[in-house]
């Protein structure tokens, strides 16, 4: 992006750059994203990202709800529950490996 702006003789500064995080909320951003933001680059997460891209409020929540419904209606639900139980059993069998006592 920077090189293209230079090629086209366009001014470009940090306020023109944006980092998007597809999920979560701004309050939940990791230190890495906060550092990027402190360097003057806009960081948008979850709802605010989808709003800035589309201009549609509530789109992010709608996408989450649609994904939830699709997962609930999927034929994989039984397999997912089986996998969860296997992982839980494995963790409980080896608590020392996970720092659980």
PDB file of N, CA and C in Angstrom:
ATOM      1  N   UNK A   1       0.827  -1.175   0.000  1.00  0.00           N
ATOM      2  CA  UNK A   1       0.000   0.000   0.000  1.00  0.00           C
ATOM      3  C   UNK A   1       0.879   1.249   0.000  1.00  0.00           C
ATOM      4  N   UNK A   2       1.897   1.254   0.854  1.00  0.00           N
ATOM      5  CA  UNK A   2       2.783   2.413   0.936  1.00  0.00           C
ATOM      6  C   UNK A   2       3.486   2.652  -0.389  1.00  0.00           C
ATOM      7  N   UNK A   3       4.009   1.582  -0.993  1.00  0.00           N
ATOM      8  CA  UNK A   3       4.708   1.723  -2.267  1.00  0.00           C
ATOM      9  C   UNK A   3       3.777   2.196  -3.376  1.00  0.00           C
ATOM     10  N   UNK A   4       2.543   1.690  -3.381  1.00  0.00           N
ATOM     11  CA  UNK A   4       1.572   2.124  -4.389  1.00  0.00           C
ATOM     12  C   UNK A   4       1.263   3.608  -4.232  1.00  0.00           C
ATOM     13  N   UNK A   5       1.116   4.061  -3.004  1.00  0.00           N
ATOM     14  CA  UNK A   5       0.868   5.485  -2.765  1.00  0.00           C
ATOM     15  C   UNK A   5       2.041   6.324  -3.265  1.00  0.00           C
ATOM     16  N   UNK A   6       3.240   5.867  -2.980  1.00  0.00           N
ATOM     17  CA  UNK A   6       4.426   6.609  -3.447  1.00  0.00           C
ATOM     18  C   UNK A   6       4.488   6.636  -4.966  1.00  0.00           C
ATOM     19  N   UNK A   7       4.223   5.493  -5.597  1.00  0.00           N
ATOM     20  CA  UNK A   7       4.236   5.400  -7.062  1.00  0.00           C
ATOM     21  C   UNK A   7       3.259   6.385  -7.674  1.00  0.00           C
ATOM     22  N   UNK A   8       2.103   6.519  -7.020  1.00  0.00           N
ATOM     23  CA  UNK A   8       1.066   7.418  -7.531  1.00  0.00           C
ATOM     24  C   UNK A   8       1.180   8.829  -6.970  1.00  0.00           C
ATOM     25  N   UNK A   9       2.297   9.117  -6.301  1.00  0.00           N
ATOM     26  CA  UNK A   9       2.569  10.446  -5.747  1.00  0.00           C
ATOM     27  C   UNK A   9       1.467  10.921  -4.808  1.00  0.00           C
ATOM     28  N   UNK A  10       0.977   9.998  -3.982  1.00  0.00           N
ATOM     29  CA  UNK A  10      -0.064  10.330  -3.011  1.00  0.00           C
ATOM     30  C   UNK A  10       0.537  10.403  -1.620  1.00  0.00           C
ATOM     31  N   UNK A  11       0.137  11.386  -0.839  1.00  0.00           N
ATOM     32  CA  UNK A  11       0.626  11.439   0.535  1.00  0.00           C
ATOM     33  C   UNK A  11       0.013  10.291   1.344  1.00  0.00           C
ATOM     34  N   UNK A  12       0.793   9.722   2.244  1.00  0.00           N
ATOM     35  CA  UNK A  12       0.300   8.620   3.066  1.00  0.00           C
ATOM     36  C   UNK A  12       0.914   8.755   4.449  1.00  0.00           C
ATOM     37  N   UNK A  13       0.045   8.754   5.470  1.00  0.00           N
ATOM     38  CA  UNK A  13       0.571   8.779   6.832  1.00  0.00           C
ATOM     39  C   UNK A  13      -0.095   7.669   7.645  1.00  0.00           C
ATOM     40  N   UNK A  14       0.268   7.554   8.908  1.00  0.00           N
ATOM     41  CA  UNK A  14      -0.218   6.467   9.756  1.00  0.00           C
ATOM     42  C   UNK A  14      -1.741   6.458   9.877  1.00  0.00           C
ATOM     43  N   UNK A  15      -2.374   7.631   9.809  1.00  0.00           N
ATOM     44  CA  UNK A  15      -3.831   7.666   9.957  1.00  0.00           C
ATOM     45  C   UNK A  15      -4.549   7.053   8.756  1.00  0.00           C
ATOM     46  N   UNK A  16      -3.821   6.822   7.657  1.00  0.00           N
ATOM     47  CA  UNK A  16      -4.410   6.191   6.478  1.00  0.00           C
ATOM     48  C   UNK A  16      -4.378   4.668   6.563  1.00  0.00           C
ATOM     49  N   UNK A  17      -3.653   4.128   7.539  1.00  0.00           N
ATOM     50  CA  UNK A  17      -3.496   2.683   7.658  1.00  0.00           C
ATOM     51  C   UNK A  17      -4.457   2.133   8.707  1.00  0.00           C
ATOM     52  N   UNK A  18      -4.979   0.939   8.421  1.00  0.00           N
ATOM     53  CA  UNK A  18      -5.961   0.315   9.305  1.00  0.00           C
ATOM     54  C   UNK A  18      -5.621  -1.161   9.455  1.00  0.00           C
ATOM     55  N   UNK A  19      -5.774  -1.667  10.668  1.00  0.00           N
ATOM     56  CA  UNK A  19      -5.661  -3.096  10.932  1.00  0.00           C
ATOM     57  C   UNK A  19      -7.037  -3.564  11.387  1.00  0.00           C
ATOM     58  N   UNK A  20      -7.527  -4.652  10.795  1.00  0.00           N
ATOM     59  CA  UNK A  20      -8.833  -5.185  11.146  1.00  0.00           C
ATOM     60  C   UNK A  20      -8.725  -6.537  11.822  1.00  0.00           C
ATOM     61  N   UNK A  21      -9.461  -6.705  12.916  1.00  0.00           N
ATOM     62  CA  UNK A  21      -9.537  -7.979  13.631  1.00  0.00           C
ATOM     63  C   UNK A  21     -10.978  -8.457  13.472  1.00  0.00           C
ATOM     64  N   UNK A  22     -11.166  -9.613  12.871  1.00  0.00           N
ATOM     65  CA  UNK A  22     -12.500 -10.075  12.489  1.00  0.00           C
ATOM     66  C   UNK A  22     -13.424 -10.379  13.658  1.00  0.00           C
ATOM     67  N   UNK A  23     -12.892 -10.673  14.809  1.00  0.00           N
ATOM     68  CA  UNK A  23     -13.736 -11.107  15.922  1.00  0.00           C
ATOM     69  C   UNK A  23     -13.342 -10.381  17.197  1.00  0.00           C
ATOM     70  N   UNK A  24     -14.195 -10.486  18.208  1.00  0.00           N
ATOM     71  CA  UNK A  24     -13.889  -9.896  19.503  1.00  0.00           C
ATOM     72  C   UNK A  24     -14.314  -8.441  19.591  1.00  0.00           C
ATOM     73  N   UNK A  25     -13.812  -7.821  20.639  1.00  0.00           N
ATOM     74  CA  UNK A  25     -14.127  -6.418  20.888  1.00  0.00           C
ATOM     75  C   UNK A  25     -12.834  -5.648  21.109  1.00  0.00           C
ATOM     76  N   UNK A  26     -12.913  -4.364  20.909  1.00  0.00           N
ATOM     77  CA  UNK A  26     -11.734  -3.511  21.050  1.00  0.00           C
ATOM     78  C   UNK A  26     -11.099  -3.658  22.434  1.00  0.00           C
ATOM     79  N   UNK A  27     -11.916  -3.782  23.463  1.00  0.00           N
ATOM     80  CA  UNK A  27     -11.403  -3.924  24.831  1.00  0.00           C
ATOM     81  C   UNK A  27     -10.598  -5.197  25.027  1.00  0.00           C
ATOM     82  N   UNK A  28     -10.800  -6.199  24.166  1.00  0.00           N
ATOM     83  CA  UNK A  28     -10.133  -7.486  24.301  1.00  0.00           C
ATOM     84  C   UNK A  28      -8.857  -7.603  23.470  1.00  0.00           C
ATOM     85  N   UNK A  29      -8.458  -6.545  22.806  1.00  0.00           N
ATOM     86  CA  UNK A  29      -7.284  -6.610  21.938  1.00  0.00           C
ATOM     87  C   UNK A  29      -6.022  -6.948  22.727  1.00  0.00           C
ATOM     88  N   UNK A  30      -5.161  -7.722  22.095  1.00  0.00           N
ATOM     89  CA  UNK A  30      -3.898  -8.113  22.722  1.00  0.00           C
ATOM     90  C   UNK A  30      -2.927  -6.929  22.756  1.00  0.00           C
ATOM     91  N   UNK A  31      -1.846  -7.116  23.463  1.00  0.00           N
ATOM     92  CA  UNK A  31      -0.804  -6.090  23.577  1.00  0.00           C
ATOM     93  C   UNK A  31      -0.242  -5.730  22.208  1.00  0.00           C
ATOM     94  N   UNK A  32      -0.128  -6.722  21.328  1.00  0.00           N
ATOM     95  CA  UNK A  32       0.403  -6.465  19.993  1.00  0.00           C
ATOM     96  C   UNK A  32      -0.461  -5.432  19.262  1.00  0.00           C
ATOM     97  N   UNK A  33      -1.788  -5.620  19.309  1.00  0.00           N
ATOM     98  CA  UNK A  33      -2.672  -4.668  18.630  1.00  0.00           C
ATOM     99  C   UNK A  33      -2.658  -3.308  19.320  1.00  0.00           C
ATOM    100  N   UNK A  34      -2.538  -3.298  20.632  1.00  0.00           N
ATOM    101  CA  UNK A  34      -2.467  -2.021  21.359  1.00  0.00           C
ATOM    102  C   UNK A  34      -1.184  -1.261  20.988  1.00  0.00           C
ATOM    103  N   UNK A  35      -0.097  -1.998  20.782  1.00  0.00           N
ATOM    104  CA  UNK A  35       1.163  -1.374  20.363  1.00  0.00           C
ATOM    105  C   UNK A  35       1.012  -0.760  18.981  1.00  0.00           C
ATOM    106  N   UNK A  36       0.384  -1.500  18.082  1.00  0.00           N
ATOM    107  CA  UNK A  36       0.130  -0.983  16.729  1.00  0.00           C
ATOM    108  C   UNK A  36      -0.703   0.291  16.813  1.00  0.00           C
ATOM    109  N   UNK A  37      -1.722   0.244  17.657  1.00  0.00           N
ATOM    110  CA  UNK A  37      -2.598   1.406  17.826  1.00  0.00           C
ATOM    111  C   UNK A  37      -1.833   2.586  18.421  1.00  0.00           C
ATOM    112  N   UNK A  38      -0.950   2.315  19.375  1.00  0.00           N
ATOM    113  CA  UNK A  38      -0.144   3.387  19.975  1.00  0.00           C
ATOM    114  C   UNK A  38       0.809   4.014  18.967  1.00  0.00           C
ATOM    115  N   UNK A  39       1.129   3.271  17.905  1.00  0.00           N
ATOM    116  CA  UNK A  39       1.974   3.807  16.834  1.00  0.00           C
ATOM    117  C   UNK A  39       1.174   4.670  15.860  1.00  0.00           C
ATOM    118  N   UNK A  40      -0.118   4.857  16.146  1.00  0.00           N
ATOM    119  CA  UNK A  40      -0.937   5.746  15.330  1.00  0.00           C
ATOM    120  C   UNK A  40      -1.727   5.062  14.240  1.00  0.00           C
ATOM    121  N   UNK A  41      -1.741   3.737  14.224  1.00  0.00           N
ATOM    122  CA  UNK A  41      -2.494   3.001  13.211  1.00  0.00           C
ATOM    123  C   UNK A  41      -3.844   2.616  13.797  1.00  0.00           C
ATOM    124  N   UNK A  42      -4.915   2.859  13.063  1.00  0.00           N
ATOM    125  CA  UNK A  42      -6.257   2.512  13.530  1.00  0.00           C
ATOM    126  C   UNK A  42      -6.425   1.010  13.591  1.00  0.00           C
ATOM    127  N   UNK A  43      -6.972   0.505  14.706  1.00  0.00           N
ATOM    128  CA  UNK A  43      -7.263  -0.914  14.868  1.00  0.00           C
ATOM    129  C   UNK A  43      -8.753  -1.046  15.166  1.00  0.00           C
ATOM    130  N   UNK A  44      -9.457  -1.791  14.309  1.00  0.00           N
ATOM    131  CA  UNK A  44     -10.885  -2.027  14.483  1.00  0.00           C
ATOM    132  C   UNK A  44     -11.116  -3.508  14.694  1.00  0.00           C
ATOM    133  N   UNK A  45     -11.971  -3.845  15.660  1.00  0.00           N
ATOM    134  CA  UNK A  45     -12.238  -5.246  15.976  1.00  0.00           C
ATOM    135  C   UNK A  45     -13.732  -5.528  15.977  1.00  0.00           C
ATOM    136  N   UNK A  46     -14.088  -6.720  15.513  1.00  0.00           N
ATOM    137  CA  UNK A  46     -15.462  -7.207  15.602  1.00  0.00           C
ATOM    138  C   UNK A  46     -16.484  -6.247  15.033  1.00  0.00           C
ATOM    139  N   UNK A  47     -17.427  -5.875  15.887  1.00  0.00           N
ATOM    140  CA  UNK A  47     -18.552  -5.009  15.471  1.00  0.00           C
ATOM    141  C   UNK A  47     -18.062  -3.727  14.792  1.00  0.00           C
ATOM    142  N   UNK A  48     -17.055  -3.069  15.393  1.00  0.00           N
ATOM    143  CA  UNK A  48     -16.605  -1.796  14.815  1.00  0.00           C
ATOM    144  C   UNK A  48     -15.942  -2.006  13.454  1.00  0.00           C
ATOM    145  N   UNK A  49     -15.268  -3.124  13.249  1.00  0.00           N
ATOM    146  CA  UNK A  49     -14.667  -3.405  11.949  1.00  0.00           C
ATOM    147  C   UNK A  49     -15.745  -3.582  10.888  1.00  0.00           C
ATOM    148  N   UNK A  50     -16.730  -4.447  11.182  1.00  0.00           N
ATOM    149  CA  UNK A  50     -17.785  -4.689  10.205  1.00  0.00           C
ATOM    150  C   UNK A  50     -18.590  -3.423   9.930  1.00  0.00           C
ATOM    151  N   UNK A  51     -18.795  -2.592  10.945  1.00  0.00           N
ATOM    152  CA  UNK A  51     -19.498  -1.327  10.727  1.00  0.00           C
ATOM    153  C   UNK A  51     -18.684  -0.406   9.814  1.00  0.00           C
ATOM    154  N   UNK A  52     -17.376  -0.316  10.053  1.00  0.00           N
ATOM    155  CA  UNK A  52     -16.547   0.562   9.225  1.00  0.00           C
ATOM    156  C   UNK A  52     -16.441   0.064   7.788  1.00  0.00           C
ATOM    157  N   UNK A  53     -16.503  -1.260   7.607  1.00  0.00           N
ATOM    158  CA  UNK A  53     -16.427  -1.813   6.249  1.00  0.00           C
ATOM    159  C   UNK A  53     -17.737  -1.628   5.504  1.00  0.00           C
ATOM    160  N   UNK A  54     -18.862  -1.883   6.189  1.00  0.00           N
ATOM    161  CA  UNK A  54     -20.159  -1.922   5.503  1.00  0.00           C
ATOM    162  C   UNK A  54     -21.079  -0.752   5.797  1.00  0.00           C
ATOM    163  N   UNK A  55     -20.899  -0.105   6.947  1.00  0.00           N
ATOM    164  CA  UNK A  55     -21.811   0.947   7.359  1.00  0.00           C
ATOM    165  C   UNK A  55     -23.112   0.411   7.936  1.00  0.00           C
ATOM    166  N   UNK A  56     -23.165  -0.891   8.180  1.00  0.00           N
ATOM    167  CA  UNK A  56     -24.384  -1.520   8.705  1.00  0.00           C
ATOM    168  C   UNK A  56     -24.184  -1.854  10.176  1.00  0.00           C
ATOM    169  N   UNK A  57     -24.943  -1.188  11.038  1.00  0.00           N
ATOM    170  CA  UNK A  57     -24.865  -1.478  12.474  1.00  0.00           C
ATOM    171  C   UNK A  57     -25.528  -2.827  12.749  1.00  0.00           C
ATOM    172  N   UNK A  58     -24.916  -3.619  13.621  1.00  0.00           N
ATOM    173  CA  UNK A  58     -25.489  -4.903  14.017  1.00  0.00           C
ATOM    174  C   UNK A  58     -25.156  -6.053  13.082  1.00  0.00           C
ATOM    175  N   UNK A  59     -24.426  -5.796  12.010  1.00  0.00           N
ATOM    176  CA  UNK A  59     -24.084  -6.864  11.070  1.00  0.00           C
ATOM    177  C   UNK A  59     -23.267  -7.953  11.755  1.00  0.00           C
ATOM    178  N   UNK A  60     -22.304  -7.560  12.563  1.00  0.00           N
ATOM    179  CA  UNK A  60     -21.436  -8.520  13.250  1.00  0.00           C
ATOM    180  C   UNK A  60     -22.253  -9.460  14.123  1.00  0.00           C
ATOM    181  N   UNK A  61     -23.163  -8.915  14.919  1.00  0.00           N
ATOM    182  CA  UNK A  61     -24.001  -9.761  15.775  1.00  0.00           C
ATOM    183  C   UNK A  61     -24.881 -10.674  14.935  1.00  0.00           C
ATOM    184  N   UNK A  62     -25.364 -10.187  13.824  1.00  0.00           N
ATOM    185  CA  UNK A  62     -26.155 -11.011  12.919  1.00  0.00           C
ATOM    186  C   UNK A  62     -25.350 -12.171  12.354  1.00  0.00           C
ATOM    187  N   UNK A  63     -24.095 -11.903  12.003  1.00  0.00           N
ATOM    188  CA  UNK A  63     -23.217 -12.967  11.496  1.00  0.00           C
ATOM    189  C   UNK A  63     -22.956 -14.020  12.572  1.00  0.00           C
ATOM    190  N   UNK A  64     -22.719 -13.561  13.801  1.00  0.00           N
ATOM    191  CA  UNK A  64     -22.489 -14.499  14.903  1.00  0.00           C
ATOM    192  C   UNK A  64     -23.719 -15.363  15.135  1.00  0.00           C
ATOM    193  N   UNK A  65     -24.882 -14.747  15.118  1.00  0.00           N
ATOM    194  CA  UNK A  65     -26.122 -15.489  15.337  1.00  0.00           C
ATOM    195  C   UNK A  65     -26.357 -16.500  14.216  1.00  0.00           C
ATOM    196  N   UNK A  66     -26.089 -16.111  12.996  1.00  0.00           N
ATOM    197  CA  UNK A  66     -26.245 -17.036  11.865  1.00  0.00           C
ATOM    198  C   UNK A  66     -25.277 -18.206  11.980  1.00  0.00           C
ATOM    199  N   UNK A  67     -24.050 -17.933  12.385  1.00  0.00           N
ATOM    200  CA  UNK A  67     -23.066 -19.007  12.569  1.00  0.00           C
ATOM    201  C   UNK A  67     -23.497 -19.943  13.689  1.00  0.00           C
ATOM    202  N   UNK A  68     -24.033 -19.377  14.772  1.00  0.00           N
ATOM    203  CA  UNK A  68     -24.498 -20.192  15.896  1.00  0.00           C
ATOM    204  C   UNK A  68     -25.632 -21.116  15.442  1.00  0.00           C
ATOM    205  N   UNK A  69     -26.590 -20.564  14.712  1.00  0.00           N
ATOM    206  CA  UNK A  69     -27.715 -21.376  14.232  1.00  0.00           C
ATOM    207  C   UNK A  69     -27.243 -22.471  13.277  1.00  0.00           C
ATOM    208  N   UNK A  70     -26.317 -22.121  12.410  1.00  0.00           N
ATOM    209  CA  UNK A  70     -25.795 -23.115  11.468  1.00  0.00           C
ATOM    210  C   UNK A  70     -25.080 -24.237  12.208  1.00  0.00           C
ATOM    211  N   UNK A  71     -24.311 -23.884  13.239  1.00  0.00           N
ATOM    212  CA  UNK A  71     -23.607 -24.903  14.022  1.00  0.00           C
ATOM    213  C   UNK A  71     -24.591 -25.795  14.762  1.00  0.00           C
ATOM    214  N   UNK A  72     -25.636 -25.209  15.313  1.00  0.00           N
ATOM    215  CA  UNK A  72     -26.638 -25.991  16.041  1.00  0.00           C
ATOM    216  C   UNK A  72     -27.378 -26.946  15.113  1.00  0.00           C
ATOM    217  N   UNK A  73     -27.612 -26.521  13.890  1.00  0.00           N
ATOM    218  CA  UNK A  73     -28.360 -27.335  12.940  1.00  0.00           C
ATOM    219  C   UNK A  73     -27.477 -28.288  12.148  1.00  0.00           C
ATOM    220  N   UNK A  74     -26.191 -28.215  12.367  1.00  0.00           N
ATOM    221  CA  UNK A  74     -25.277 -29.029  11.581  1.00  0.00           C
ATOM    222  C   UNK A  74     -25.305 -30.478  12.047  1.00  0.00           C
ATOM    223  N   UNK A  75     -24.961 -31.356  11.150  1.00  0.00           N
ATOM    224  CA  UNK A  75     -24.881 -32.777  11.454  1.00  0.00           C
ATOM    225  C   UNK A  75     -23.639 -33.089  12.299  1.00  0.00           C
ATOM    226  N   UNK A  76     -22.795 -32.103  12.497  1.00  0.00           N
ATOM    227  CA  UNK A  76     -21.551 -32.304  13.235  1.00  0.00           C
ATOM    228  C   UNK A  76     -21.731 -32.179  14.742  1.00  0.00           C
ATOM    229  N   UNK A  77     -22.887 -31.776  15.192  1.00  0.00           N
ATOM    230  CA  UNK A  77     -23.096 -31.515  16.618  1.00  0.00           C
ATOM    231  C   UNK A  77     -22.689 -32.719  17.471  1.00  0.00           C
ATOM    232  N   UNK A  78     -23.086 -33.915  17.077  1.00  0.00           N
ATOM    233  CA  UNK A  78     -22.748 -35.118  17.842  1.00  0.00           C
ATOM    234  C   UNK A  78     -21.240 -35.348  17.859  1.00  0.00           C
ATOM    235  N   UNK A  79     -20.595 -35.152  16.723  1.00  0.00           N
ATOM    236  CA  UNK A  79     -19.136 -35.328  16.645  1.00  0.00           C
ATOM    237  C   UNK A  79     -18.410 -34.301  17.508  1.00  0.00           C
ATOM    238  N   UNK A  80     -18.909 -33.072  17.506  1.00  0.00           N
ATOM    239  CA  UNK A  80     -18.292 -32.022  18.312  1.00  0.00           C
ATOM    240  C   UNK A  80     -18.407 -32.364  19.789  1.00  0.00           C
ATOM    241  N   UNK A  81     -19.572 -32.825  20.226  1.00  0.00           N
ATOM    242  CA  UNK A  81     -19.756 -33.198  21.632  1.00  0.00           C
ATOM    243  C   UNK A  81     -18.838 -34.357  22.008  1.00  0.00           C
ATOM    244  N   UNK A  82     -18.681 -35.323  21.124  1.00  0.00           N
ATOM    245  CA  UNK A  82     -17.784 -36.460  21.367  1.00  0.00           C
ATOM    246  C   UNK A  82     -16.339 -35.976  21.511  1.00  0.00           C
ATOM    247  N   UNK A  83     -15.926 -35.086  20.631  1.00  0.00           N
ATOM    248  CA  UNK A  83     -14.574 -34.535  20.687  1.00  0.00           C
ATOM    249  C   UNK A  83     -14.345 -33.774  21.990  1.00  0.00           C
ATOM    250  N   UNK A  84     -15.325 -32.986  22.400  1.00  0.00           N
ATOM    251  CA  UNK A  84     -15.213 -32.231  23.660  1.00  0.00           C
ATOM    252  C   UNK A  84     -15.017 -33.187  24.824  1.00  0.00           C
ATOM    253  N   UNK A  85     -15.782 -34.267  24.860  1.00  0.00           N
ATOM    254  CA  UNK A  85     -15.654 -35.244  25.946  1.00  0.00           C
ATOM    255  C   UNK A  85     -14.298 -35.931  25.926  1.00  0.00           C
ATOM    256  N   UNK A  86     -13.776 -36.243  24.740  1.00  0.00           N
ATOM    257  CA  UNK A  86     -12.457 -36.871  24.627  1.00  0.00           C
ATOM    258  C   UNK A  86     -11.359 -35.927  25.118  1.00  0.00           C
ATOM    259  N   UNK A  87     -11.435 -34.676  24.738  1.00  0.00           N
ATOM    260  CA  UNK A  87     -10.440 -33.693  25.179  1.00  0.00           C
ATOM    261  C   UNK A  87     -10.520 -33.521  26.693  1.00  0.00           C
ATOM    262  N   UNK A  88     -11.728 -33.397  27.212  1.00  0.00           N
ATOM    263  CA  UNK A  88     -11.915 -33.251  28.652  1.00  0.00           C
ATOM    264  C   UNK A  88     -11.346 -34.451  29.400  1.00  0.00           C
ATOM    265  N   UNK A  89     -11.596 -35.634  28.894  1.00  0.00           N
ATOM    266  CA  UNK A  89     -11.087 -36.854  29.516  1.00  0.00           C
ATOM    267  C   UNK A  89      -9.559 -36.877  29.487  1.00  0.00           C
ATOM    268  N   UNK A  90      -8.996 -36.500  28.362  1.00  0.00           N
ATOM    269  CA  UNK A  90      -7.539 -36.469  28.239  1.00  0.00           C
ATOM    270  C   UNK A  90      -6.899 -35.480  29.201  1.00  0.00           C
ATOM    271  N   UNK A  91      -7.505 -34.332  29.335  1.00  0.00           N
ATOM    272  CA  UNK A  91      -6.987 -33.324  30.277  1.00  0.00           C
ATOM    273  C   UNK A  91      -7.086 -33.843  31.704  1.00  0.00           C
ATOM    274  N   UNK A  92      -8.242 -34.414  32.046  1.00  0.00           N
ATOM    275  CA  UNK A  92      -8.429 -34.935  33.403  1.00  0.00           C
ATOM    276  C   UNK A  92      -7.483 -36.093  33.702  1.00  0.00           C
ATOM    277  N   UNK A  93      -7.103 -36.875  32.685  1.00  0.00           N
ATOM    278  CA  UNK A  93      -6.192 -38.004  32.878  1.00  0.00           C
ATOM    279  C   UNK A  93      -4.745 -37.558  33.051  1.00  0.00           C
ATOM    280  N   UNK A  94      -4.431 -36.375  32.590  1.00  0.00           N
ATOM    281  CA  UNK A  94      -3.046 -35.877  32.619  1.00  0.00           C
ATOM    282  C   UNK A  94      -2.993 -34.454  33.172  1.00  0.00           C
ATOM    283  N   UNK A  95      -3.635 -34.245  34.289  1.00  0.00           N
ATOM    284  CA  UNK A  95      -3.716 -32.905  34.878  1.00  0.00           C
ATOM    285  C   UNK A  95      -2.343 -32.290  35.111  1.00  0.00           C
ATOM    286  N   UNK A  96      -1.363 -33.124  35.445  1.00  0.00           N
ATOM    287  CA  UNK A  96      -0.022 -32.615  35.711  1.00  0.00           C
ATOM    288  C   UNK A  96       0.580 -31.938  34.478  1.00  0.00           C
ATOM    289  N   UNK A  97       0.249 -32.435  33.282  1.00  0.00           N
ATOM    290  CA  UNK A  97       0.779 -31.835  32.053  1.00  0.00           C
ATOM    291  C   UNK A  97       0.215 -30.451  31.782  1.00  0.00           C
ATOM    292  N   UNK A  98      -0.953 -30.184  32.342  1.00  0.00           N
ATOM    293  CA  UNK A  98      -1.647 -28.914  32.115  1.00  0.00           C
ATOM    294  C   UNK A  98      -1.575 -27.987  33.328  1.00  0.00           C
ATOM    295  N   UNK A  99      -0.767 -28.361  34.308  1.00  0.00           N
ATOM    296  CA  UNK A  99      -0.633 -27.537  35.511  1.00  0.00           C
ATOM    297  C   UNK A  99      -1.869 -27.553  36.386  1.00  0.00           C
ATOM    298  N   UNK A 100      -2.666 -28.602  36.260  1.00  0.00           N
ATOM    299  CA  UNK A 100      -3.880 -28.734  37.079  1.00  0.00           C
ATOM    300  C   UNK A 100      -3.640 -29.814  38.130  1.00  0.00           C
ATOM    301  N   UNK A 101      -3.961 -29.544  39.327  1.00  0.00           N
ATOM    302  CA  UNK A 101      -3.753 -30.563  40.376  1.00  0.00           C
ATOM    303  C   UNK A 101      -5.004 -30.859  41.132  1.00  0.00           C
TER     304      UNK A 101
END
